[in-house]
Amino acid sequence: MKIAGITLGVVILLFSFLFYILSLMQLVPLIIAGPLLFLAILIIFTLLNNHNKFRGFKK
């Protein structure tokens, strides 16, 4: 599941990066492409950083 999530995240990152390049050429609005790229990077780092954490002993 983790490999599929990271692969999907990389695909979304590539799509949003190309969308950002189009916005730098003023073909699409930059106000849409910037946050989209930020969210793609945030999703990838969240998936990479999500691991089993010790949450204490249950009573």
Protein backbone atom coordinates (compact mmCIF):
# COMPACT_ATOMS: atom_id res chain seq x y z
CA MET A 1 0.00 0.00 0.00
CA LYS A 2 2.83 2.39 0.81
CA ILE A 3 4.51 1.83 -2.58
CA ALA A 4 1.24 2.49 -4.41
CA GLY A 5 0.67 5.68 -2.44
CA ILE A 6 4.15 6.99 -3.13
CA THR A 7 3.85 6.10 -6.82
CA LEU A 8 0.54 7.91 -7.03
CA GLY A 9 2.09 10.88 -5.20
CA VAL A 10 4.97 11.06 -7.67
CA VAL A 11 2.56 10.95 -10.62
CA ILE A 12 0.53 13.77 -9.07
CA LEU A 13 3.76 15.70 -8.43
CA LEU A 14 4.83 15.37 -12.08
CA PHE A 15 1.40 16.47 -13.29
CA SER A 16 1.35 19.48 -10.98
CA PHE A 17 4.92 20.42 -11.93
CA LEU A 18 4.00 20.41 -15.62
CA PHE A 19 0.91 22.44 -14.75
CA TYR A 20 3.18 24.90 -12.90
CA ILE A 21 5.46 25.19 -15.94
CA LEU A 22 2.39 26.02 -18.02
CA SER A 23 1.48 28.70 -15.51
CA LEU A 24 4.95 30.22 -15.80
CA MET A 25 4.32 30.50 -19.54
CA GLN A 26 1.07 32.29 -18.61
CA LEU A 27 -1.15 29.64 -20.18
CA VAL A 28 -2.97 28.85 -16.93
CA PRO A 29 -3.37 30.97 -13.77
CA LEU A 30 -0.45 30.85 -11.36
CA ILE A 31 -2.82 31.17 -8.40
CA ILE A 32 -4.15 27.68 -9.18
CA ALA A 33 -0.88 25.98 -10.10
CA GLY A 34 1.15 27.16 -7.09
CA PRO A 35 -1.05 25.68 -4.36
CA LEU A 36 -1.54 22.53 -6.43
CA LEU A 37 2.22 21.97 -6.53
CA PHE A 38 2.47 22.70 -2.81
CA LEU A 39 -0.26 20.18 -1.99
CA ALA A 40 1.41 17.52 -4.15
CA ILE A 41 4.71 17.97 -2.30
CA LEU A 42 2.90 17.98 1.04
CA ILE A 43 1.12 14.71 0.22
CA ILE A 44 4.38 12.99 -0.74
CA PHE A 45 6.14 14.09 2.45
CA THR A 46 3.14 13.04 4.52
CA LEU A 47 3.16 9.57 2.94
CA LEU A 48 6.92 9.22 3.44
CA ASN A 49 6.77 10.37 7.06
CA ASN A 50 3.75 8.27 8.05
CA HIS A 51 5.03 5.30 10.04
CA ASN A 52 4.02 3.29 13.07
CA LYS A 53 4.49 5.44 16.14
CA PHE A 54 4.54 4.27 19.73
CA ARG A 55 1.41 5.69 21.31
CA GLY A 56 1.91 4.23 24.77
CA PHE A 57 0.53 1.22 26.50
CA LYS A 58 -3.22 0.73 26.46
CA LYS A 59 -4.91 0.30 29.81
